[in-house]
PDB file of N, CA and C in Angstrom:
ATOM      1  N   MET A   1     290.565 -16.876 112.230  1.00  0.00           N
ATOM      2  CA  MET A   1     290.730 -15.468 112.465  1.00  0.00           C
ATOM      3  C   MET A   1     289.416 -14.752 112.138  1.00  0.00           C
ATOM      4  N   LYS A   2     289.273 -13.583 112.670  1.00  0.00           N
ATOM      5  CA  LYS A   2     288.078 -12.791 112.415  1.00  0.00           C
ATOM      6  C   LYS A   2     288.175 -12.142 111.033  1.00  0.00           C
ATOM      7  N   THR A   3     287.017 -11.763 110.503  1.00  0.00           N
ATOM      8  CA  THR A   3     287.005 -11.029 109.244  1.00  0.00           C
ATOM      9  C   THR A   3     287.850  -9.778 109.399  1.00  0.00           C
ATOM     10  N   GLY A   4     288.725  -9.555 108.439  1.00  0.00           N
ATOM     11  CA  GLY A   4     289.573  -8.370 108.479  1.00  0.00           C
ATOM     12  C   GLY A   4     290.930  -8.612 109.098  1.00  0.00           C
ATOM     13  N   GLU A   5     291.203  -9.837 109.546  1.00  0.00           N
ATOM     14  CA  GLU A   5     292.494 -10.178 110.127  1.00  0.00           C
ATOM     15  C   GLU A   5     293.176 -11.217 109.249  1.00  0.00           C
ATOM     16  N   ALA A   6     294.493 -11.122 109.158  1.00  0.00           N
ATOM     17  CA  ALA A   6     295.251 -12.084 108.361  1.00  0.00           C
ATOM     18  C   ALA A   6     296.668 -12.183 108.903  1.00  0.00           C
ATOM     19  N   ILE A   7     297.349 -13.231 108.492  1.00  0.00           N
ATOM     20  CA  ILE A   7     298.759 -13.405 108.802  1.00  0.00           C
ATOM     21  C   ILE A   7     299.504 -13.324 107.482  1.00  0.00           C
ATOM     22  N   LEU A   8     300.604 -12.595 107.464  1.00  0.00           N
ATOM     23  CA  LEU A   8     301.381 -12.395 106.242  1.00  0.00           C
ATOM     24  C   LEU A   8     302.817 -12.846 106.462  1.00  0.00           C
ATOM     25  N   GLN A   9     303.304 -13.684 105.552  1.00  0.00           N
ATOM     26  CA  GLN A   9     304.722 -14.034 105.532  1.00  0.00           C
ATOM     27  C   GLN A   9     305.230 -13.677 104.147  1.00  0.00           C
ATOM     28  N   ARG A  10     306.127 -12.728 104.098  1.00  0.00           N
ATOM     29  CA  ARG A  10     306.655 -12.268 102.810  1.00  0.00           C
ATOM     30  C   ARG A  10     307.644 -13.290 102.252  1.00  0.00           C
ATOM     31  N   PRO A  11     307.655 -13.462 100.935  1.00  0.00           N
ATOM     32  CA  PRO A  11     308.586 -14.414 100.318  1.00  0.00           C
ATOM     33  C   PRO A  11     310.032 -14.112 100.712  1.00  0.00           C
ATOM     34  N   GLY A  12     310.775 -15.156 101.012  1.00  0.00           N
ATOM     35  CA  GLY A  12     312.189 -14.997 101.337  1.00  0.00           C
ATOM     36  C   GLY A  12     312.479 -14.608 102.774  1.00  0.00           C
ATOM     37  N   THR A  13     311.450 -14.555 103.629  1.00  0.00           N
ATOM     38  CA  THR A  13     311.682 -14.212 105.033  1.00  0.00           C
ATOM     39  C   THR A  13     311.043 -15.256 105.930  1.00  0.00           C
ATOM     40  N   LEU A  14     311.483 -15.278 107.172  1.00  0.00           N
ATOM     41  CA  LEU A  14     310.862 -16.145 108.165  1.00  0.00           C
ATOM     42  C   LEU A  14     309.919 -15.356 109.068  1.00  0.00           C
ATOM     43  N   ASP A  15     309.909 -14.025 108.895  1.00  0.00           N
ATOM     44  CA  ASP A  15     309.062 -13.159 109.716  1.00  0.00           C
ATOM     45  C   ASP A  15     307.596 -13.345 109.369  1.00  0.00           C
ATOM     46  N   VAL A  16     306.767 -13.388 110.389  1.00  0.00           N
ATOM     47  CA  VAL A  16     305.318 -13.477 110.215  1.00  0.00           C
ATOM     48  C   VAL A  16     304.706 -12.238 110.855  1.00  0.00           C
ATOM     49  N   GLU A  17     303.806 -11.586 110.123  1.00  0.00           N
ATOM     50  CA  GLU A  17     303.179 -10.360 110.616  1.00  0.00           C
ATOM     51  C   GLU A  17     301.668 -10.535 110.677  1.00  0.00           C
ATOM     52  N   TYR A  18     301.054  -9.929 111.675  1.00  0.00           N
ATOM     53  CA  TYR A  18     299.597  -9.842 111.707  1.00  0.00           C
ATOM     54  C   TYR A  18     299.219  -8.565 110.977  1.00  0.00           C
ATOM     55  N   VAL A  19     298.252  -8.659 110.087  1.00  0.00           N
ATOM     56  CA  VAL A  19     297.834  -7.494 109.312  1.00  0.00           C
ATOM     57  C   VAL A  19     296.327  -7.372 109.357  1.00  0.00           C
ATOM     58  N   LYS A  20     295.851  -6.149 109.164  1.00  0.00           N
ATOM     59  CA  LYS A  20     294.414  -5.898 109.045  1.00  0.00           C
ATOM     60  C   LYS A  20     294.096  -5.722 107.571  1.00  0.00           C
ATOM     61  N   VAL A  21     292.976  -6.288 107.169  1.00  0.00           N
ATOM     62  CA  VAL A  21     292.579  -6.265 105.770  1.00  0.00           C
ATOM     63  C   VAL A  21     291.257  -5.527 105.650  1.00  0.00           C
ATOM     64  N   ASN A  22     291.188  -4.604 104.717  1.00  0.00           N
ATOM     65  CA  ASN A  22     289.921  -3.913 104.480  1.00  0.00           C
ATOM     66  C   ASN A  22     288.958  -4.852 103.785  1.00  0.00           C
ATOM     67  N   PHE A  23     287.700  -4.681 104.048  1.00  0.00           N
ATOM     68  CA  PHE A  23     286.660  -5.514 103.453  1.00  0.00           C
ATOM     69  C   PHE A  23     285.715  -4.621 102.686  1.00  0.00           C
ATOM     70  N   MET A  24     285.487  -4.977 101.441  1.00  0.00           N
ATOM     71  CA  MET A  24     284.569  -4.204 100.625  1.00  0.00           C
ATOM     72  C   MET A  24     283.495  -5.159 100.100  1.00  0.00           C
ATOM     73  N   LYS A  25     282.268  -4.890 100.436  1.00  0.00           N
ATOM     74  CA  LYS A  25     281.158  -5.727  99.989  1.00  0.00           C
ATOM     75  C   LYS A  25     280.932  -5.480  98.503  1.00  0.00           C
ATOM     76  N   LEU A  26     280.991  -6.560  97.732  1.00  0.00           N
ATOM     77  CA  LEU A  26     280.736  -6.454  96.300  1.00  0.00           C
ATOM     78  C   LEU A  26     279.280  -6.813  96.019  1.00  0.00           C
ATOM     79  N   PRO A  27     278.729  -6.213  94.973  1.00  0.00           N
ATOM     80  CA  PRO A  27     277.365  -6.589  94.623  1.00  0.00           C
ATOM     81  C   PRO A  27     277.326  -8.053  94.188  1.00  0.00           C
ATOM     82  N   GLU A  28     276.306  -8.757  94.620  1.00  0.00           N
ATOM     83  CA  GLU A  28     276.179 -10.162  94.252  1.00  0.00           C
ATOM     84  C   GLU A  28     275.452 -10.270  92.920  1.00  0.00           C
ATOM     85  N   THR A  29     276.122 -10.903  91.971  1.00  0.00           N
ATOM     86  CA  THR A  29     275.535 -11.160  90.662  1.00  0.00           C
ATOM     87  C   THR A  29     275.793 -12.620  90.327  1.00  0.00           C
ATOM     88  N   ALA A  30     275.141 -13.114  89.320  1.00  0.00           N
ATOM     89  CA  ALA A  30     275.378 -14.495  88.894  1.00  0.00           C
ATOM     90  C   ALA A  30     276.845 -14.670  88.501  1.00  0.00           C
ATOM     91  N   GLU A  31     277.400 -13.667  87.852  1.00  0.00           N
ATOM     92  CA  GLU A  31     278.806 -13.730  87.419  1.00  0.00           C
ATOM     93  C   GLU A  31     279.757 -13.760  88.622  1.00  0.00           C
ATOM     94  N   SER A  32     279.507 -12.912  89.619  1.00  0.00           N
ATOM     95  CA  SER A  32     280.379 -12.894  90.791  1.00  0.00           C
ATOM     96  C   SER A  32     280.231 -14.174  91.602  1.00  0.00           C
ATOM     97  N   ASP A  33     279.009 -14.696  91.704  1.00  0.00           N
ATOM     98  CA  ASP A  33     278.791 -15.965  92.408  1.00  0.00           C
ATOM     99  C   ASP A  33     279.555 -17.099  91.734  1.00  0.00           C
ATOM    100  N   ASP A  34     279.525 -17.136  90.396  1.00  0.00           N
ATOM    101  CA  ASP A  34     280.271 -18.155  89.653  1.00  0.00           C
ATOM    102  C   ASP A  34     281.771 -18.003  89.865  1.00  0.00           C
ATOM    103  N   ALA A  35     282.245 -16.758  89.874  1.00  0.00           N
ATOM    104  CA  ALA A  35     283.674 -16.510  90.073  1.00  0.00           C
ATOM    105  C   ALA A  35     284.121 -16.972  91.464  1.00  0.00           C
ATOM    106  N   VAL A  36     283.309 -16.701  92.472  1.00  0.00           N
ATOM    107  CA  VAL A  36     283.632 -17.128  93.836  1.00  0.00           C
ATOM    108  C   VAL A  36     283.642 -18.650  93.919  1.00  0.00           C
ATOM    109  N   THR A  37     282.677 -19.291  93.310  1.00  0.00           N
ATOM    110  CA  THR A  37     282.622 -20.753  93.310  1.00  0.00           C
ATOM    111  C   THR A  37     283.864 -21.337  92.649  1.00  0.00           C
ATOM    112  N   ARG A  38     284.274 -20.779  91.509  1.00  0.00           N
ATOM    113  CA  ARG A  38     285.482 -21.264  90.825  1.00  0.00           C
ATOM    114  C   ARG A  38     286.725 -21.044  91.683  1.00  0.00           C
ATOM    115  N   LEU A  39     286.816 -19.893  92.330  1.00  0.00           N
ATOM    116  CA  LEU A  39     287.965 -19.597  93.180  1.00  0.00           C
ATOM    117  C   LEU A  39     288.038 -20.565  94.355  1.00  0.00           C
ATOM    118  N   LEU A  40     286.921 -20.800  95.020  1.00  0.00           N
ATOM    119  CA  LEU A  40     286.903 -21.739  96.140  1.00  0.00           C
ATOM    120  C   LEU A  40     287.291 -23.138  95.678  1.00  0.00           C
ATOM    121  N   GLN A  41     286.783 -23.538  94.539  1.00  0.00           N
ATOM    122  CA  GLN A  41     287.113 -24.859  94.011  1.00  0.00           C
ATOM    123  C   GLN A  41     288.617 -24.969  93.742  1.00  0.00           C
ATOM    124  N   ARG A  42     289.197 -23.956  93.111  1.00  0.00           N
ATOM    125  CA  ARG A  42     290.655 -23.961  92.849  1.00  0.00           C
ATOM    126  C   ARG A  42     291.435 -23.978  94.153  1.00  0.00           C
ATOM    127  N   ASN A  43     290.990 -23.195  95.137  1.00  0.00           N
ATOM    128  CA  ASN A  43     291.701 -23.150  96.421  1.00  0.00           C
ATOM    129  C   ASN A  43     291.722 -24.524  97.081  1.00  0.00           C
ATOM    130  N   PHE A  44     290.573 -25.198  97.112  1.00  0.00           N
ATOM    131  CA  PHE A  44     290.496 -26.477  97.802  1.00  0.00           C
ATOM    132  C   PHE A  44     291.120 -27.614  97.002  1.00  0.00           C
ATOM    133  N   GLU A  45     291.389 -27.398  95.721  1.00  0.00           N
ATOM    134  CA  GLU A  45     292.125 -28.380  94.927  1.00  0.00           C
ATOM    135  C   GLU A  45     293.631 -28.273  95.187  1.00  0.00           C
ATOM    136  N   SER A  46     294.056 -27.169  95.767  1.00  0.00           N
ATOM    137  CA  SER A  46     295.475 -26.971  96.060  1.00  0.00           C
ATOM    138  C   SER A  46     295.856 -27.727  97.330  1.00  0.00           C
ATOM    139  N   ASP A  47     297.143 -27.846  97.571  1.00  0.00           N
ATOM    140  CA  ASP A  47     297.634 -28.502  98.777  1.00  0.00           C
ATOM    141  C   ASP A  47     297.697 -27.544  99.963  1.00  0.00           C
ATOM    142  N   PHE A  48     297.355 -26.285  99.750  1.00  0.00           N
ATOM    143  CA  PHE A  48     297.535 -25.273 100.780  1.00  0.00           C
ATOM    144  C   PHE A  48     296.310 -25.055 101.654  1.00  0.00           C
ATOM    145  N   LEU A  49     295.126 -25.340 101.148  1.00  0.00           N
ATOM    146  CA  LEU A  49     293.903 -25.086 101.904  1.00  0.00           C
ATOM    147  C   LEU A  49     293.102 -26.371 102.064  1.00  0.00           C
ATOM    148  N   ILE A  50     292.457 -26.490 103.219  1.00  0.00           N
ATOM    149  CA  ILE A  50     291.547 -27.607 103.459  1.00  0.00           C
ATOM    150  C   ILE A  50     290.253 -27.039 104.021  1.00  0.00           C
ATOM    151  N   SER A  51     289.210 -27.824 103.956  1.00  0.00           N
ATOM    152  CA  SER A  51     287.921 -27.362 104.460  1.00  0.00           C
ATOM    153  C   SER A  51     287.939 -27.299 105.983  1.00  0.00           C
ATOM    154  N   THR A  52     287.014 -26.558 106.538  1.00  0.00           N
ATOM    155  CA  THR A  52     286.886 -26.468 107.988  1.00  0.00           C
ATOM    156  C   THR A  52     286.636 -27.856 108.577  1.00  0.00           C
ATOM    157  N   GLU A  53     285.795 -28.635 107.910  1.00  0.00           N
ATOM    158  CA  GLU A  53     285.500 -29.985 108.398  1.00  0.00           C
ATOM    159  C   GLU A  53     286.765 -30.850 108.421  1.00  0.00           C
ATOM    160  N   GLN A  54     287.578 -30.776 107.361  1.00  0.00           N
ATOM    161  CA  GLN A  54     288.816 -31.550 107.318  1.00  0.00           C
ATOM    162  C   GLN A  54     289.779 -31.077 108.410  1.00  0.00           C
ATOM    163  N   ALA A  55     289.853 -29.782 108.637  1.00  0.00           N
ATOM    164  CA  ALA A  55     290.729 -29.249 109.685  1.00  0.00           C
ATOM    165  C   ALA A  55     290.287 -29.759 111.055  1.00  0.00           C
ATOM    166  N   ARG A  56     288.986 -29.805 111.292  1.00  0.00           N
ATOM    167  CA  ARG A  56     288.480 -30.314 112.570  1.00  0.00           C
ATOM    168  C   ARG A  56     288.831 -31.793 112.752  1.00  0.00           C
ATOM    169  N   LYS A  57     288.686 -32.584 111.675  1.00  0.00           N
ATOM    170  CA  LYS A  57     289.031 -34.002 111.746  1.00  0.00           C
ATOM    171  C   LYS A  57     290.505 -34.185 112.079  1.00  0.00           C
ATOM    172  N   GLU A  58     291.363 -33.429 111.394  1.00  0.00           N
ATOM    173  CA  GLU A  58     292.798 -33.538 111.647  1.00  0.00           C
ATOM    174  C   GLU A  58     293.146 -33.096 113.068  1.00  0.00           C
ATOM    175  N   HIS A  59     292.455 -32.065 113.552  1.00  0.00           N
ATOM    176  CA  HIS A  59     292.677 -31.590 114.916  1.00  0.00           C
ATOM    177  C   HIS A  59     292.300 -32.682 115.923  1.00  0.00           C
ATOM    178  N   GLU A  60     291.154 -33.308 115.710  1.00  0.00           N
ATOM    179  CA  GLU A  60     290.718 -34.390 116.599  1.00  0.00           C
ATOM    180  C   GLU A  60     291.705 -35.559 116.558  1.00  0.00           C
ATOM    181  N   GLN A  61     292.191 -35.912 115.379  1.00  0.00           N
ATOM    182  CA  GLN A  61     293.166 -36.995 115.254  1.00  0.00           C
ATOM    183  C   GLN A  61     294.442 -36.656 116.014  1.00  0.00           C
ATOM    184  N   CYS A  62     294.842 -35.398 115.932  1.00  0.00           N
ATOM    185  CA  CYS A  62     296.046 -34.969 116.652  1.00  0.00           C
ATOM    186  C   CYS A  62     295.819 -35.064 118.155  1.00  0.00           C
ATOM    187  N   LEU A  63     294.665 -34.605 118.623  1.00  0.00           N
ATOM    188  CA  LEU A  63     294.372 -34.679 120.051  1.00  0.00           C
ATOM    189  C   LEU A  63     294.288 -36.127 120.529  1.00  0.00           C
ATOM    190  N   ASP A  64     293.714 -37.004 119.708  1.00  0.00           N
ATOM    191  CA  ASP A  64     293.627 -38.418 120.054  1.00  0.00           C
ATOM    192  C   ASP A  64     295.006 -39.039 120.206  1.00  0.00           C
ATOM    193  N   GLY A  65     295.980 -38.506 119.480  1.00  0.00           N
ATOM    194  CA  GLY A  65     297.339 -39.044 119.535  1.00  0.00           C
ATOM    195  C   GLY A  65     298.143 -38.551 120.731  1.00  0.00           C
ATOM    196  N   LEU A  66     297.622 -37.547 121.434  1.00  0.00           N
ATOM    197  CA  LEU A  66     298.320 -37.010 122.593  1.00  0.00           C
ATOM    198  C   LEU A  66     297.970 -37.810 123.842  1.00  0.00           C
ATOM    199  N   THR A  67     298.950 -37.981 124.703  1.00  0.00           N
ATOM    200  CA  THR A  67     298.672 -38.624 125.979  1.00  0.00           C
ATOM    201  C   THR A  67     299.043 -37.645 127.084  1.00  0.00           C
ATOM    202  N   LEU A  68     298.218 -37.563 128.080  1.00  0.00           N
ATOM    203  CA  LEU A  68     298.494 -36.666 129.216  1.00  0.00           C
ATOM    204  C   LEU A  68     299.330 -37.412 130.226  1.00  0.00           C
ATOM    205  N   ARG A  69     300.313 -36.746 130.746  1.00  0.00           N
ATOM    206  CA  ARG A  69     301.204 -37.355 131.737  1.00  0.00           C
ATOM    207  C   ARG A  69     301.058 -36.662 133.055  1.00  0.00           C
TER     208      ARG A  69
END
C-alpha cells in the first residue's frame, strides 16, 4: 500500500475497512533511530510480519505451484 493507506479490521468483527493515516515526520535522533530499530526487530520476530524479500519468495513459490489450464 502507499504511504498513508492502511487496512483496518476491528477486534470481534469480520469487516475490513480501508483507512487513511496521517503521517508526521519526526526529527531523526540517535534515540529515535534506536527505537525504530527495536520496533522493527520486534515486529519481524512476531508471526504477523515478514520481510519484503520473504513475501516475494512466498509469492514466487505460490505462483510456481499454480498450473494454467
